[in-house]
Amino acid sequence: MVGGGDRLTDALCGPSVAVQSDAMGAVVTRTPRGRGAEEVVMRKEKLDHEVQKLQREHQELEQRLARLDRQVFLNPHEELERKRLQKLKLFKKDRMAELGAI
């Protein structure tokens, strides 16, 4: 993509940054406020890594919740654990949304 406007690019560089993207990531062709292209690429890689980590953790929480939901009865400890996992899963999803991954 050439031209700014996507949420991740705006979060990394601010609006109106010209970016050329390919399958391997983004290559910045012009940066605002004197930022170097390497810094922007490193920030994008860091965000990509965080999104991947959040997706893995979200999936793991979903699997743990599914195991609890298959049980006919939950004792008080398991019910608290279920609520805790639901909240944590929602937090992960909200964070991914903040990063523009959803």
N, C-alpha and C. Protein backbone atom coordinates (compact mmCIF):
# COMPACT_ATOMS: atom_id res chain seq x y z
N MET A 1 0.85 -1.17 0.00
CA MET A 1 0.00 0.00 0.00
C MET A 1 0.89 1.22 0.00
N VAL A 2 0.58 2.18 -0.78
CA VAL A 2 1.30 3.43 -0.77
C VAL A 2 0.37 4.47 -0.18
N GLY A 3 0.90 5.27 0.73
CA GLY A 3 0.10 6.28 1.40
C GLY A 3 -0.26 5.80 2.80
N GLY A 4 -0.47 6.74 3.71
CA GLY A 4 -0.82 6.40 5.08
C GLY A 4 -2.29 6.08 5.16
N GLY A 5 -2.80 6.15 6.36
CA GLY A 5 -4.23 6.00 6.51
C GLY A 5 -4.66 4.73 7.22
N ASP A 6 -3.83 3.67 7.25
CA ASP A 6 -4.28 2.52 8.02
C ASP A 6 -3.95 2.78 9.49
N ARG A 7 -4.68 2.12 10.38
CA ARG A 7 -4.58 2.42 11.80
C ARG A 7 -3.21 2.09 12.37
N LEU A 8 -2.60 1.00 11.92
CA LEU A 8 -1.30 0.63 12.44
C LEU A 8 -0.25 1.64 12.03
N THR A 9 -0.26 2.07 10.77
CA THR A 9 0.70 3.06 10.31
C THR A 9 0.52 4.37 11.06
N ASP A 10 -0.73 4.79 11.24
CA ASP A 10 -1.00 6.02 11.97
C ASP A 10 -0.51 5.91 13.42
N ALA A 11 -0.70 4.74 14.03
CA ALA A 11 -0.25 4.55 15.41
C ALA A 11 1.27 4.59 15.50
N LEU A 12 1.94 4.05 14.50
CA LEU A 12 3.40 4.02 14.50
C LEU A 12 4.01 5.37 14.17
N CYS A 13 3.48 6.03 13.17
CA CYS A 13 4.15 7.17 12.58
C CYS A 13 3.36 8.46 12.64
N GLY A 14 2.12 8.38 12.96
CA GLY A 14 1.25 9.54 12.85
C GLY A 14 0.62 9.52 11.47
N PRO A 15 -0.43 10.29 11.26
CA PRO A 15 -1.09 10.31 9.96
C PRO A 15 -0.19 10.90 8.88
N SER A 16 -0.52 10.67 7.67
CA SER A 16 0.13 11.21 6.47
C SER A 16 1.55 10.73 6.28
N VAL A 17 1.81 9.47 6.57
CA VAL A 17 3.10 8.88 6.31
C VAL A 17 2.98 8.02 5.07
N ALA A 18 3.91 8.19 4.14
CA ALA A 18 3.91 7.35 2.95
C ALA A 18 4.60 6.04 3.27
N VAL A 19 3.91 4.93 3.04
CA VAL A 19 4.44 3.61 3.38
C VAL A 19 4.22 2.69 2.20
N GLN A 20 5.21 1.87 1.93
CA GLN A 20 5.08 0.84 0.91
C GLN A 20 5.13 -0.49 1.65
N SER A 21 4.08 -1.28 1.55
CA SER A 21 4.00 -2.55 2.26
C SER A 21 4.14 -3.70 1.29
N ASP A 22 4.71 -4.79 1.79
CA ASP A 22 4.73 -6.04 1.04
C ASP A 22 4.47 -7.16 2.02
N ALA A 23 4.60 -8.39 1.60
CA ALA A 23 4.29 -9.54 2.45
C ALA A 23 5.23 -9.64 3.65
N MET A 24 6.38 -9.02 3.57
CA MET A 24 7.36 -9.11 4.65
C MET A 24 7.21 -7.98 5.67
N GLY A 25 6.34 -7.02 5.46
CA GLY A 25 6.17 -5.92 6.41
C GLY A 25 6.13 -4.60 5.69
N ALA A 26 6.36 -3.56 6.43
CA ALA A 26 6.26 -2.22 5.86
C ALA A 26 7.65 -1.62 5.67
N VAL A 27 7.82 -0.91 4.58
CA VAL A 27 9.04 -0.16 4.32
C VAL A 27 8.63 1.30 4.24
N VAL A 28 9.14 2.11 5.13
CA VAL A 28 8.75 3.51 5.19
C VAL A 28 9.52 4.29 4.14
N THR A 29 8.80 5.06 3.35
CA THR A 29 9.44 5.86 2.32
C THR A 29 9.58 7.32 2.73
N ARG A 30 8.77 7.75 3.71
CA ARG A 30 8.88 9.11 4.23
C ARG A 30 8.35 9.08 5.65
N THR A 31 9.06 9.68 6.58
CA THR A 31 8.63 9.67 7.97
C THR A 31 8.46 11.09 8.49
N PRO A 32 7.50 11.30 9.38
CA PRO A 32 7.30 12.63 9.97
C PRO A 32 8.28 12.89 11.10
N ARG A 33 8.44 14.10 11.46
CA ARG A 33 9.21 14.51 12.63
C ARG A 33 10.60 13.90 12.68
N GLY A 34 11.17 13.60 11.53
CA GLY A 34 12.55 13.14 11.47
C GLY A 34 12.81 11.74 11.97
N ARG A 35 11.79 10.93 12.16
CA ARG A 35 12.02 9.54 12.60
C ARG A 35 12.72 8.77 11.50
N GLY A 36 13.62 7.90 11.88
CA GLY A 36 14.30 7.05 10.91
C GLY A 36 13.45 5.87 10.52
N ALA A 37 13.64 5.40 9.31
CA ALA A 37 12.87 4.26 8.81
C ALA A 37 13.09 3.03 9.68
N GLU A 38 14.32 2.85 10.15
CA GLU A 38 14.61 1.67 10.97
C GLU A 38 13.81 1.68 12.26
N GLU A 39 13.66 2.85 12.88
CA GLU A 39 12.90 2.95 14.12
C GLU A 39 11.43 2.59 13.89
N VAL A 40 10.87 3.07 12.80
CA VAL A 40 9.48 2.79 12.49
C VAL A 40 9.27 1.30 12.22
N VAL A 41 10.17 0.71 11.46
CA VAL A 41 10.07 -0.72 11.16
C VAL A 41 10.22 -1.53 12.44
N MET A 42 11.13 -1.13 13.32
CA MET A 42 11.31 -1.85 14.58
C MET A 42 10.06 -1.74 15.44
N ARG A 43 9.42 -0.58 15.47
CA ARG A 43 8.19 -0.42 16.24
C ARG A 43 7.09 -1.29 15.66
N LYS A 44 7.00 -1.37 14.33
CA LYS A 44 5.98 -2.21 13.70
C LYS A 44 6.23 -3.67 14.04
N GLU A 45 7.48 -4.11 13.97
CA GLU A 45 7.80 -5.49 14.31
C GLU A 45 7.44 -5.79 15.76
N LYS A 46 7.71 -4.83 16.66
CA LYS A 46 7.38 -5.02 18.07
C LYS A 46 5.87 -5.14 18.25
N LEU A 47 5.10 -4.28 17.57
CA LEU A 47 3.65 -4.37 17.65
C LEU A 47 3.13 -5.67 17.06
N ASP A 48 3.70 -6.10 15.93
CA ASP A 48 3.30 -7.37 15.32
C ASP A 48 3.54 -8.52 16.29
N HIS A 49 4.69 -8.48 16.96
CA HIS A 49 5.03 -9.53 17.93
C HIS A 49 4.02 -9.51 19.08
N GLU A 50 3.67 -8.31 19.57
CA GLU A 50 2.70 -8.21 20.66
C GLU A 50 1.34 -8.75 20.24
N VAL A 51 0.92 -8.43 19.02
CA VAL A 51 -0.37 -8.91 18.51
C VAL A 51 -0.36 -10.44 18.44
N GLN A 52 0.71 -11.02 17.92
CA GLN A 52 0.80 -12.48 17.82
C GLN A 52 0.74 -13.12 19.21
N LYS A 53 1.43 -12.52 20.17
CA LYS A 53 1.42 -13.03 21.54
C LYS A 53 0.02 -12.95 22.13
N LEU A 54 -0.66 -11.82 21.92
CA LEU A 54 -2.02 -11.66 22.42
C LEU A 54 -2.97 -12.67 21.78
N GLN A 55 -2.82 -12.92 20.49
CA GLN A 55 -3.67 -13.89 19.81
C GLN A 55 -3.46 -15.29 20.38
N ARG A 56 -2.20 -15.67 20.62
CA ARG A 56 -1.91 -16.99 21.22
C ARG A 56 -2.54 -17.10 22.61
N GLU A 57 -2.33 -16.07 23.43
CA GLU A 57 -2.86 -16.10 24.79
C GLU A 57 -4.38 -16.12 24.79
N HIS A 58 -5.00 -15.38 23.88
CA HIS A 58 -6.46 -15.35 23.77
C HIS A 58 -6.97 -16.75 23.42
N GLN A 59 -6.31 -17.41 22.48
CA GLN A 59 -6.70 -18.76 22.07
C GLN A 59 -6.55 -19.74 23.24
N GLU A 60 -5.46 -19.63 23.99
CA GLU A 60 -5.26 -20.51 25.14
C GLU A 60 -6.35 -20.31 26.19
N LEU A 61 -6.71 -19.05 26.44
CA LEU A 61 -7.78 -18.77 27.40
C LEU A 61 -9.10 -19.34 26.91
N GLU A 62 -9.36 -19.22 25.62
CA GLU A 62 -10.59 -19.77 25.04
C GLU A 62 -10.64 -21.29 25.24
N GLN A 63 -9.52 -21.97 25.06
CA GLN A 63 -9.48 -23.42 25.25
C GLN A 63 -9.70 -23.79 26.72
N ARG A 64 -9.09 -23.04 27.63
CA ARG A 64 -9.28 -23.32 29.06
C ARG A 64 -10.74 -23.10 29.46
N LEU A 65 -11.34 -22.03 28.93
CA LEU A 65 -12.76 -21.79 29.22
C LEU A 65 -13.64 -22.90 28.65
N ALA A 66 -13.32 -23.39 27.48
CA ALA A 66 -14.11 -24.46 26.87
C ALA A 66 -14.06 -25.72 27.74
N ARG A 67 -12.88 -26.01 28.31
CA ARG A 67 -12.78 -27.17 29.20
C ARG A 67 -13.67 -27.00 30.43
N LEU A 68 -13.67 -25.81 31.00
CA LEU A 68 -14.52 -25.57 32.17
C LEU A 68 -16.00 -25.63 31.78
N ASP A 69 -16.34 -25.11 30.61
CA ASP A 69 -17.74 -25.09 30.17
C ASP A 69 -18.28 -26.48 29.88
N ARG A 70 -17.41 -27.44 29.60
CA ARG A 70 -17.86 -28.81 29.35
C ARG A 70 -18.26 -29.54 30.63
N GLN A 71 -17.84 -29.00 31.76
CA GLN A 71 -18.17 -29.63 33.03
C GLN A 71 -19.64 -29.34 33.38
N VAL A 72 -20.29 -30.33 33.94
CA VAL A 72 -21.69 -30.18 34.32
C VAL A 72 -21.82 -29.26 35.53
N PHE A 73 -20.89 -29.39 36.48
CA PHE A 73 -20.95 -28.60 37.70
C PHE A 73 -19.57 -28.01 37.97
N LEU A 74 -19.54 -26.74 38.38
CA LEU A 74 -18.29 -26.10 38.77
C LEU A 74 -18.33 -25.81 40.26
N ASN A 75 -17.26 -26.20 40.97
CA ASN A 75 -17.20 -25.85 42.38
C ASN A 75 -16.88 -24.35 42.49
N PRO A 76 -16.96 -23.78 43.66
CA PRO A 76 -16.74 -22.33 43.79
C PRO A 76 -15.37 -21.86 43.27
N HIS A 77 -14.34 -22.64 43.50
CA HIS A 77 -13.01 -22.29 43.00
C HIS A 77 -13.00 -22.27 41.46
N GLU A 78 -13.60 -23.27 40.85
CA GLU A 78 -13.65 -23.34 39.38
C GLU A 78 -14.50 -22.20 38.80
N GLU A 79 -15.56 -21.83 39.49
CA GLU A 79 -16.40 -20.72 39.03
C GLU A 79 -15.63 -19.41 39.06
N LEU A 80 -14.86 -19.20 40.13
CA LEU A 80 -14.01 -18.00 40.20
C LEU A 80 -12.96 -18.00 39.10
N GLU A 81 -12.37 -19.17 38.87
CA GLU A 81 -11.37 -19.30 37.80
C GLU A 81 -12.00 -18.99 36.45
N ARG A 82 -13.19 -19.46 36.21
CA ARG A 82 -13.90 -19.21 34.95
C ARG A 82 -14.12 -17.71 34.75
N LYS A 83 -14.57 -17.02 35.79
CA LYS A 83 -14.79 -15.56 35.70
C LYS A 83 -13.48 -14.83 35.44
N ARG A 84 -12.42 -15.26 36.13
CA ARG A 84 -11.10 -14.64 35.94
C ARG A 84 -10.63 -14.82 34.50
N LEU A 85 -10.79 -16.03 33.97
CA LEU A 85 -10.37 -16.31 32.59
C LEU A 85 -11.18 -15.49 31.59
N GLN A 86 -12.48 -15.34 31.84
CA GLN A 86 -13.33 -14.54 30.94
C GLN A 86 -12.85 -13.09 30.90
N LYS A 87 -12.55 -12.53 32.06
CA LYS A 87 -12.08 -11.15 32.12
C LYS A 87 -10.73 -10.99 31.44
N LEU A 88 -9.85 -11.93 31.67
CA LEU A 88 -8.53 -11.88 31.04
C LEU A 88 -8.63 -12.01 29.52
N LYS A 89 -9.50 -12.89 29.07
CA LYS A 89 -9.73 -13.06 27.63
C LYS A 89 -10.26 -11.77 27.01
N LEU A 90 -11.20 -11.12 27.68
CA LEU A 90 -11.75 -9.86 27.19
C LEU A 90 -10.67 -8.77 27.16
N PHE A 91 -9.81 -8.74 28.17
CA PHE A 91 -8.71 -7.78 28.19
C PHE A 91 -7.80 -7.98 26.98
N LYS A 92 -7.47 -9.23 26.68
CA LYS A 92 -6.60 -9.52 25.52
C LYS A 92 -7.27 -9.06 24.23
N LYS A 93 -8.56 -9.33 24.10
CA LYS A 93 -9.29 -8.93 22.90
C LYS A 93 -9.34 -7.41 22.77
N ASP A 94 -9.59 -6.72 23.88
CA ASP A 94 -9.60 -5.25 23.85
C ASP A 94 -8.24 -4.70 23.44
N ARG A 95 -7.18 -5.29 23.95
CA ARG A 95 -5.82 -4.81 23.61
C ARG A 95 -5.54 -5.02 22.13
N MET A 96 -5.96 -6.17 21.58
CA MET A 96 -5.78 -6.40 20.14
C MET A 96 -6.56 -5.37 19.33
N ALA A 97 -7.75 -5.02 19.80
CA ALA A 97 -8.55 -4.00 19.11
C ALA A 97 -7.84 -2.65 19.16
N GLU A 98 -7.23 -2.32 20.29
CA GLU A 98 -6.49 -1.06 20.41
C GLU A 98 -5.34 -1.02 19.40
N LEU A 99 -4.72 -2.15 19.16
CA LEU A 99 -3.59 -2.22 18.24
C LEU A 99 -4.04 -2.34 16.79
N GLY A 100 -5.33 -2.42 16.57
CA GLY A 100 -5.85 -2.50 15.21
C GLY A 100 -5.77 -3.88 14.60
N ALA A 101 -5.67 -4.91 15.45
CA ALA A 101 -5.51 -6.27 14.95
C ALA A 101 -6.85 -6.96 14.73
N ILE A 102 -7.93 -6.36 15.17
CA ILE A 102 -9.25 -6.98 15.02
C ILE A 102 -10.07 -6.20 14.04
